[in-house]
PDB file of N, CA and C in Angstrom:
ATOM      1  N   UNK A   1       0.977  -1.243   0.025  1.00  0.00           N
ATOM      2  CA  UNK A   1       0.060   0.041   0.003  1.00  0.00           C
ATOM      3  C   UNK A   1       0.695   1.089  -0.082  1.00  0.00           C
ATOM      4  N   UNK A   2       0.578   2.323  -0.638  1.00  0.00           N
ATOM      5  CA  UNK A   2       1.313   3.492  -0.718  1.00  0.00           C
ATOM      6  C   UNK A   2       0.583   4.562  -0.036  1.00  0.00           C
ATOM      7  N   UNK A   3       1.687   5.389   0.413  1.00  0.00           N
ATOM      8  CA  UNK A   3       1.120   6.469   0.957  1.00  0.00           C
ATOM      9  C   UNK A   3       0.633   7.630   0.081  1.00  0.00           C
ATOM     10  N   UNK A   4      -0.432   8.015  -0.370  1.00  0.00           N
ATOM     11  CA  UNK A   4      -0.641   8.954  -1.340  1.00  0.00           C
ATOM     12  C   UNK A   4      -0.449  10.315  -0.882  1.00  0.00           C
ATOM     13  N   UNK A   5      -0.152  10.663   0.534  1.00  0.00           N
ATOM     14  CA  UNK A   5       0.207  12.024   0.858  1.00  0.00           C
ATOM     15  C   UNK A   5       1.815  12.206   0.814  1.00  0.00           C
ATOM     16  N   UNK A   6       2.701  10.875   0.599  1.00  0.00           N
ATOM     17  CA  UNK A   6       3.858  11.366   0.635  1.00  0.00           C
ATOM     18  C   UNK A   6       4.055  11.677  -0.905  1.00  0.00           C
ATOM     19  N   UNK A   7       5.482  12.256  -1.340  1.00  0.00           N
ATOM     20  CA  UNK A   7       5.910  12.647  -2.498  1.00  0.00           C
ATOM     21  C   UNK A   7       7.313  12.196  -2.487  1.00  0.00           C
ATOM     22  N   UNK A   8       7.718  12.307  -3.693  1.00  0.00           N
ATOM     23  CA  UNK A   8       9.312  11.654  -3.700  1.00  0.00           C
ATOM     24  C   UNK A   8       9.876  13.148  -4.355  1.00  0.00           C
ATOM     25  N   UNK A   9       9.795  14.029  -3.655  1.00  0.00           N
ATOM     26  CA  UNK A   9      10.467  15.264  -3.883  1.00  0.00           C
ATOM     27  C   UNK A   9      12.254  15.259  -3.821  1.00  0.00           C
ATOM     28  N   UNK A  10      12.739  14.391  -2.591  1.00  0.00           N
ATOM     29  CA  UNK A  10      13.831  14.487  -2.569  1.00  0.00           C
ATOM     30  C   UNK A  10      14.415  13.144  -1.957  1.00  0.00           C
ATOM     31  N   UNK A  11      15.662  13.067  -1.611  1.00  0.00           N
ATOM     32  CA  UNK A  11      15.989  11.822  -0.791  1.00  0.00           C
ATOM     33  C   UNK A  11      15.712  11.650   0.381  1.00  0.00           C
ATOM     34  N   UNK A  12      15.425  10.431   0.527  1.00  0.00           N
ATOM     35  CA  UNK A  12      15.175   9.622   2.251  1.00  0.00           C
ATOM     36  C   UNK A  12      16.587  10.589   3.237  1.00  0.00           C
ATOM     37  N   UNK A  13      16.017  10.989   4.141  1.00  0.00           N
ATOM     38  CA  UNK A  13      16.957  11.533   5.364  1.00  0.00           C
ATOM     39  C   UNK A  13      16.918  10.524   6.399  1.00  0.00           C
ATOM     40  N   UNK A  14      17.933   9.709   6.486  1.00  0.00           N
ATOM     41  CA  UNK A  14      18.064   8.475   7.366  1.00  0.00           C
ATOM     42  C   UNK A  14      19.130   8.594   8.692  1.00  0.00           C
ATOM     43  N   UNK A  15      19.955   9.596   8.290  1.00  0.00           N
ATOM     44  CA  UNK A  15      21.091  10.039   9.378  1.00  0.00           C
ATOM     45  C   UNK A  15      21.088  11.259   9.844  1.00  0.00           C
ATOM     46  N   UNK A  16      21.819  11.266  11.141  1.00  0.00           N
ATOM     47  CA  UNK A  16      22.022  12.761  11.741  1.00  0.00           C
ATOM     48  C   UNK A  16      22.843  13.391  10.710  1.00  0.00           C
ATOM     49  N   UNK A  17      23.891  12.848  10.023  1.00  0.00           N
ATOM     50  CA  UNK A  17      24.605  13.424   9.064  1.00  0.00           C
ATOM     51  C   UNK A  17      23.878  14.082   7.990  1.00  0.00           C
ATOM     52  N   UNK A  18      22.800  13.165   7.430  1.00  0.00           N
ATOM     53  CA  UNK A  18      22.135  13.688   6.336  1.00  0.00           C
ATOM     54  C   UNK A  18      21.402  14.789   6.408  1.00  0.00           C
ATOM     55  N   UNK A  19      20.784  14.590   7.939  1.00  0.00           N
ATOM     56  CA  UNK A  19      19.778  15.963   8.185  1.00  0.00           C
ATOM     57  C   UNK A  19      20.866  17.118   8.312  1.00  0.00           C
ATOM     58  N   UNK A  20      21.787  17.306   8.894  1.00  0.00           N
ATOM     59  CA  UNK A  20      22.384  18.072   8.974  1.00  0.00           C
ATOM     60  C   UNK A  20      23.090  18.991   7.666  1.00  0.00           C
ATOM     61  N   UNK A  21      23.460  18.096   6.705  1.00  0.00           N
ATOM     62  CA  UNK A  21      23.909  18.691   5.550  1.00  0.00           C
ATOM     63  C   UNK A  21      22.521  19.192   4.636  1.00  0.00           C
ATOM     64  N   UNK A  22      21.380  18.445   4.722  1.00  0.00           N
ATOM     65  CA  UNK A  22      20.121  18.969   4.231  1.00  0.00           C
ATOM     66  C   UNK A  22      19.725  20.333   4.760  1.00  0.00           C
ATOM     67  N   UNK A  23      20.032  20.375   6.296  1.00  0.00           N
ATOM     68  CA  UNK A  23      19.503  21.806   6.779  1.00  0.00           C
ATOM     69  C   UNK A  23      20.638  22.802   6.357  1.00  0.00           C
ATOM     70  N   UNK A  24      21.782  22.648   6.333  1.00  0.00           N
ATOM     71  CA  UNK A  24      23.125  23.648   5.689  1.00  0.00           C
ATOM     72  C   UNK A  24      22.572  24.095   4.423  1.00  0.00           C
ATOM     73  N   UNK A  25      22.277  22.866   3.480  1.00  0.00           N
ATOM     74  CA  UNK A  25      21.746  23.345   2.090  1.00  0.00           C
ATOM     75  C   UNK A  25      20.764  24.063   2.044  1.00  0.00           C
ATOM     76  N   UNK A  26      19.450  24.083   2.750  1.00  0.00           N
ATOM     77  CA  UNK A  26      18.501  24.804   2.728  1.00  0.00           C
ATOM     78  C   UNK A  26      18.677  26.110   3.091  1.00  0.00           C
ATOM     79  N   UNK A  27      19.552  26.402   4.138  1.00  0.00           N
ATOM     80  CA  UNK A  27      19.855  27.686   4.823  1.00  0.00           C
ATOM     81  C   UNK A  27      20.708  28.188   3.820  1.00  0.00           C
ATOM     82  N   UNK A  28      21.708  27.597   3.001  1.00  0.00           N
ATOM     83  CA  UNK A  28      22.509  28.334   2.111  1.00  0.00           C
ATOM     84  C   UNK A  28      21.757  28.847   0.982  1.00  0.00           C
ATOM     85  N   UNK A  29      20.852  28.019   0.343  1.00  0.00           N
ATOM     86  CA  UNK A  29      20.069  28.188  -0.807  1.00  0.00           C
ATOM     87  C   UNK A  29      19.217  29.472  -0.318  1.00  0.00           C
ATOM     88  N   UNK A  30      18.730  29.560   0.839  1.00  0.00           N
ATOM     89  CA  UNK A  30      17.899  30.563   1.261  1.00  0.00           C
ATOM     90  C   UNK A  30      18.531  32.090   1.439  1.00  0.00           C
ATOM     91  N   UNK A  31      19.754  32.076   1.007  1.00  0.00           N
ATOM     92  CA  UNK A  31      20.978  33.006   1.295  1.00  0.00           C
ATOM     93  C   UNK A  31      21.671  33.558   2.532  1.00  0.00           C
ATOM     94  N   UNK A  32      21.406  32.231   3.658  1.00  0.00           N
ATOM     95  CA  UNK A  32      22.061  32.722   4.810  1.00  0.00           C
ATOM     96  C   UNK A  32      23.619  32.393   4.396  1.00  0.00           C
ATOM     97  N   UNK A  33      24.380  32.865   5.333  1.00  0.00           N
ATOM     98  CA  UNK A  33      26.042  32.727   5.165  1.00  0.00           C
ATOM     99  C   UNK A  33      26.572  32.479   6.323  1.00  0.00           C
ATOM    100  N   UNK A  34      27.715  31.611   6.343  1.00  0.00           N
ATOM    101  CA  UNK A  34      28.374  31.000   7.449  1.00  0.00           C
ATOM    102  C   UNK A  34      27.329  30.475   8.367  1.00  0.00           C
ATOM    103  N   UNK A  35      26.842  29.419   7.867  1.00  0.00           N
ATOM    104  CA  UNK A  35      25.849  28.518   8.403  1.00  0.00           C
ATOM    105  C   UNK A  35      26.651  27.341   9.456  1.00  0.00           C
ATOM    106  N   UNK A  36      26.129  27.552  10.683  1.00  0.00           N
ATOM    107  CA  UNK A  36      26.602  26.230  11.412  1.00  0.00           C
ATOM    108  C   UNK A  36      25.492  25.641  12.131  1.00  0.00           C
ATOM    109  N   UNK A  37      25.480  24.193  11.943  1.00  0.00           N
ATOM    110  CA  UNK A  37      24.212  23.376  12.399  1.00  0.00           C
ATOM    111  C   UNK A  37      24.753  22.674  13.573  1.00  0.00           C
ATOM    112  N   UNK A  38      23.837  22.423  14.402  1.00  0.00           N
ATOM    113  CA  UNK A  38      23.744  21.714  15.556  1.00  0.00           C
ATOM    114  C   UNK A  38      23.380  20.226  15.556  1.00  0.00           C
ATOM    115  N   UNK A  39      23.470  19.536  16.663  1.00  0.00           N
ATOM    116  CA  UNK A  39      22.979  18.504  16.704  1.00  0.00           C
ATOM    117  C   UNK A  39      21.748  18.016  16.457  1.00  0.00           C
ATOM    118  N   UNK A  40      21.310  17.409  15.187  1.00  0.00           N
ATOM    119  CA  UNK A  40      19.832  16.919  14.505  1.00  0.00           C
ATOM    120  C   UNK A  40      19.264  16.246  15.907  1.00  0.00           C
ATOM    121  N   UNK A  41      17.755  16.364  15.855  1.00  0.00           N
ATOM    122  CA  UNK A  41      17.178  15.548  16.661  1.00  0.00           C
ATOM    123  C   UNK A  41      16.145  14.990  15.699  1.00  0.00           C
ATOM    124  N   UNK A  42      15.613  13.785  16.246  1.00  0.00           N
ATOM    125  CA  UNK A  42      14.501  12.904  15.164  1.00  0.00           C
ATOM    126  C   UNK A  42      13.165  13.045  16.210  1.00  0.00           C
ATOM    127  N   UNK A  43      12.370  13.379  15.677  1.00  0.00           N
ATOM    128  CA  UNK A  43      10.901  12.982  16.217  1.00  0.00           C
ATOM    129  C   UNK A  43      10.281  11.946  15.487  1.00  0.00           C
ATOM    130  N   UNK A  44       9.172  11.744  15.851  1.00  0.00           N
ATOM    131  CA  UNK A  44       8.387  10.565  15.014  1.00  0.00           C
ATOM    132  C   UNK A  44       8.184  10.856  13.450  1.00  0.00           C
ATOM    133  N   UNK A  45       7.979  12.174  13.294  1.00  0.00           N
ATOM    134  CA  UNK A  45       7.899  12.766  11.617  1.00  0.00           C
ATOM    135  C   UNK A  45       8.594  13.677  11.319  1.00  0.00           C
ATOM    136  N   UNK A  46       9.669  14.259  11.977  1.00  0.00           N
ATOM    137  CA  UNK A  46      10.520  15.125  11.364  1.00  0.00           C
ATOM    138  C   UNK A  46      11.863  15.024  12.096  1.00  0.00           C
ATOM    139  N   UNK A  47      12.823  15.318  11.120  1.00  0.00           N
ATOM    140  CA  UNK A  47      14.210  15.856  11.879  1.00  0.00           C
ATOM    141  C   UNK A  47      14.050  17.308  12.172  1.00  0.00           C
ATOM    142  N   UNK A  48      14.772  17.903  13.361  1.00  0.00           N
ATOM    143  CA  UNK A  48      15.033  19.331  13.859  1.00  0.00           C
ATOM    144  C   UNK A  48      16.411  19.655  13.915  1.00  0.00           C
ATOM    145  N   UNK A  49      16.813  20.341  13.334  1.00  0.00           N
ATOM    146  CA  UNK A  49      17.912  20.630  13.120  1.00  0.00           C
ATOM    147  C   UNK A  49      18.372  22.065  13.606  1.00  0.00           C
ATOM    148  N   UNK A  50      18.917  22.421  14.643  1.00  0.00           N
ATOM    149  CA  UNK A  50      18.928  23.864  15.003  1.00  0.00           C
ATOM    150  C   UNK A  50      20.404  24.126  14.353  1.00  0.00           C
ATOM    151  N   UNK A  51      20.399  25.599  13.990  1.00  0.00           N
ATOM    152  CA  UNK A  51      21.535  26.000  13.159  1.00  0.00           C
ATOM    153  C   UNK A  51      21.462  27.528  13.548  1.00  0.00           C
ATOM    154  N   UNK A  52      22.647  28.288  13.059  1.00  0.00           N
ATOM    155  CA  UNK A  52      23.096  29.633  13.340  1.00  0.00           C
ATOM    156  C   UNK A  52      23.603  30.114  12.154  1.00  0.00           C
ATOM    157  N   UNK A  53      23.597  31.558  11.981  1.00  0.00           N
ATOM    158  CA  UNK A  53      24.204  32.179  10.658  1.00  0.00           C
ATOM    159  C   UNK A  53      24.609  33.683  11.372  1.00  0.00           C
ATOM    160  N   UNK A  54      25.353  34.320  10.670  1.00  0.00           N
ATOM    161  CA  UNK A  54      25.714  35.594  10.866  1.00  0.00           C
ATOM    162  C   UNK A  54      24.258  36.514  11.296  1.00  0.00           C
ATOM    163  N   UNK A  55      23.359  36.236  10.401  1.00  0.00           N
ATOM    164  CA  UNK A  55      22.030  36.887  10.426  1.00  0.00           C
ATOM    165  C   UNK A  55      21.135  36.712  11.749  1.00  0.00           C
ATOM    166  N   UNK A  56      21.249  35.386  11.977  1.00  0.00           N
ATOM    167  CA  UNK A  56      20.005  34.951  13.042  1.00  0.00           C
ATOM    168  C   UNK A  56      20.395  33.443  13.303  1.00  0.00           C
ATOM    169  N   UNK A  57      19.241  32.902  14.123  1.00  0.00           N
ATOM    170  CA  UNK A  57      19.258  31.620  14.913  1.00  0.00           C
ATOM    171  C   UNK A  57      17.993  31.040  13.783  1.00  0.00           C
ATOM    172  N   UNK A  58      18.174  29.443  13.816  1.00  0.00           N
ATOM    173  CA  UNK A  58      17.110  29.023  12.932  1.00  0.00           C
ATOM    174  C   UNK A  58      16.934  27.556  13.534  1.00  0.00           C
ATOM    175  N   UNK A  59      15.838  27.115  13.289  1.00  0.00           N
ATOM    176  CA  UNK A  59      15.409  25.505  13.198  1.00  0.00           C
ATOM    177  C   UNK A  59      14.801  25.107  11.847  1.00  0.00           C
ATOM    178  N   UNK A  60      15.623  24.072  11.332  1.00  0.00           N
ATOM    179  CA  UNK A  60      15.076  23.500  10.107  1.00  0.00           C
ATOM    180  C   UNK A  60      14.653  22.074  10.427  1.00  0.00           C
ATOM    181  N   UNK A  61      13.024  21.998   9.928  1.00  0.00           N
ATOM    182  CA  UNK A  61      12.300  20.804  10.051  1.00  0.00           C
ATOM    183  C   UNK A  61      12.560  20.247   8.738  1.00  0.00           C
ATOM    184  N   UNK A  62      12.907  18.905   8.774  1.00  0.00           N
ATOM    185  CA  UNK A  62      13.150  17.930   7.718  1.00  0.00           C
ATOM    186  C   UNK A  62      12.187  16.967   7.622  1.00  0.00           C
ATOM    187  N   UNK A  63      11.414  16.787   6.567  1.00  0.00           N
ATOM    188  CA  UNK A  63      10.443  15.387   6.522  1.00  0.00           C
ATOM    189  C   UNK A  63      11.467  14.125   6.083  1.00  0.00           C
ATOM    190  N   UNK A  64      11.468  13.424   6.949  1.00  0.00           N
ATOM    191  CA  UNK A  64      12.554  12.323   6.649  1.00  0.00           C
ATOM    192  C   UNK A  64      12.580  11.489   5.405  1.00  0.00           C
ATOM    193  N   UNK A  65      11.026  11.240   4.911  1.00  0.00           N
ATOM    194  CA  UNK A  65      10.621  10.579   3.742  1.00  0.00           C
ATOM    195  C   UNK A  65      10.944  11.218   2.502  1.00  0.00           C
ATOM    196  N   UNK A  66      10.776  12.686   2.459  1.00  0.00           N
ATOM    197  CA  UNK A  66      10.851  13.208   1.499  1.00  0.00           C
ATOM    198  C   UNK A  66      12.208  14.089   1.260  1.00  0.00           C
ATOM    199  N   UNK A  67      12.790  14.687   2.341  1.00  0.00           N
ATOM    200  CA  UNK A  67      13.708  15.500   2.363  1.00  0.00           C
ATOM    201  C   UNK A  67      13.113  17.060   2.293  1.00  0.00           C
ATOM    202  N   UNK A  68      11.771  17.209   2.415  1.00  0.00           N
ATOM    203  CA  UNK A  68      11.426  18.551   2.246  1.00  0.00           C
ATOM    204  C   UNK A  68      11.906  19.372   3.537  1.00  0.00           C
ATOM    205  N   UNK A  69      11.961  20.775   3.408  1.00  0.00           N
ATOM    206  CA  UNK A  69      12.499  21.584   4.535  1.00  0.00           C
ATOM    207  C   UNK A  69      11.442  22.637   4.921  1.00  0.00           C
ATOM    208  N   UNK A  70      11.414  22.757   6.028  1.00  0.00           N
ATOM    209  CA  UNK A  70      10.820  24.263   6.697  1.00  0.00           C
ATOM    210  C   UNK A  70      11.724  25.015   7.398  1.00  0.00           C
ATOM    211  N   UNK A  71      11.775  26.166   7.037  1.00  0.00           N
ATOM    212  CA  UNK A  71      12.972  26.972   7.786  1.00  0.00           C
ATOM    213  C   UNK A  71      12.045  27.800   9.123  1.00  0.00           C
ATOM    214  N   UNK A  72      12.667  27.902  10.185  1.00  0.00           N
ATOM    215  CA  UNK A  72      11.838  28.741  11.494  1.00  0.00           C
ATOM    216  C   UNK A  72      12.789  29.155  11.869  1.00  0.00           C
ATOM    217  N   UNK A  73      12.888  30.974  11.793  1.00  0.00           N
ATOM    218  CA  UNK A  73      13.411  31.395  12.625  1.00  0.00           C
ATOM    219  C   UNK A  73      13.227  31.488  14.058  1.00  0.00           C
ATOM    220  N   UNK A  74      14.404  31.517  14.770  1.00  0.00           N
ATOM    221  CA  UNK A  74      14.007  31.497  16.151  1.00  0.00           C
ATOM    222  C   UNK A  74      14.644  32.406  16.835  1.00  0.00           C
ATOM    223  N   UNK A  75      13.889  33.093  18.011  1.00  0.00           N
ATOM    224  CA  UNK A  75      14.433  34.447  18.778  1.00  0.00           C
ATOM    225  C   UNK A  75      15.895  33.919  19.307  1.00  0.00           C
ATOM    226  N   UNK A  76      16.526  34.873  19.457  1.00  0.00           N
ATOM    227  CA  UNK A  76      17.985  34.854  20.162  1.00  0.00           C
ATOM    228  C   UNK A  76      18.154  34.635  21.474  1.00  0.00           C
TER     229      UNK A  76
END
């Protein structure tokens, strides 16, 4: 049985290393410079990767099945 809500937009994110690289790439693509990622955490349905840049602090949420990202700016 296939999940009709899942899309194959990107690669599956299976490890902490994959999550950190995906978060770094997402922030870089959004124009952030000097990005530093922290230890990714896995919940049931997402990876959460804390990150900082010269501009701000962020949390990048990553769907582990599709690799889709959502960037959330966090207060310092």
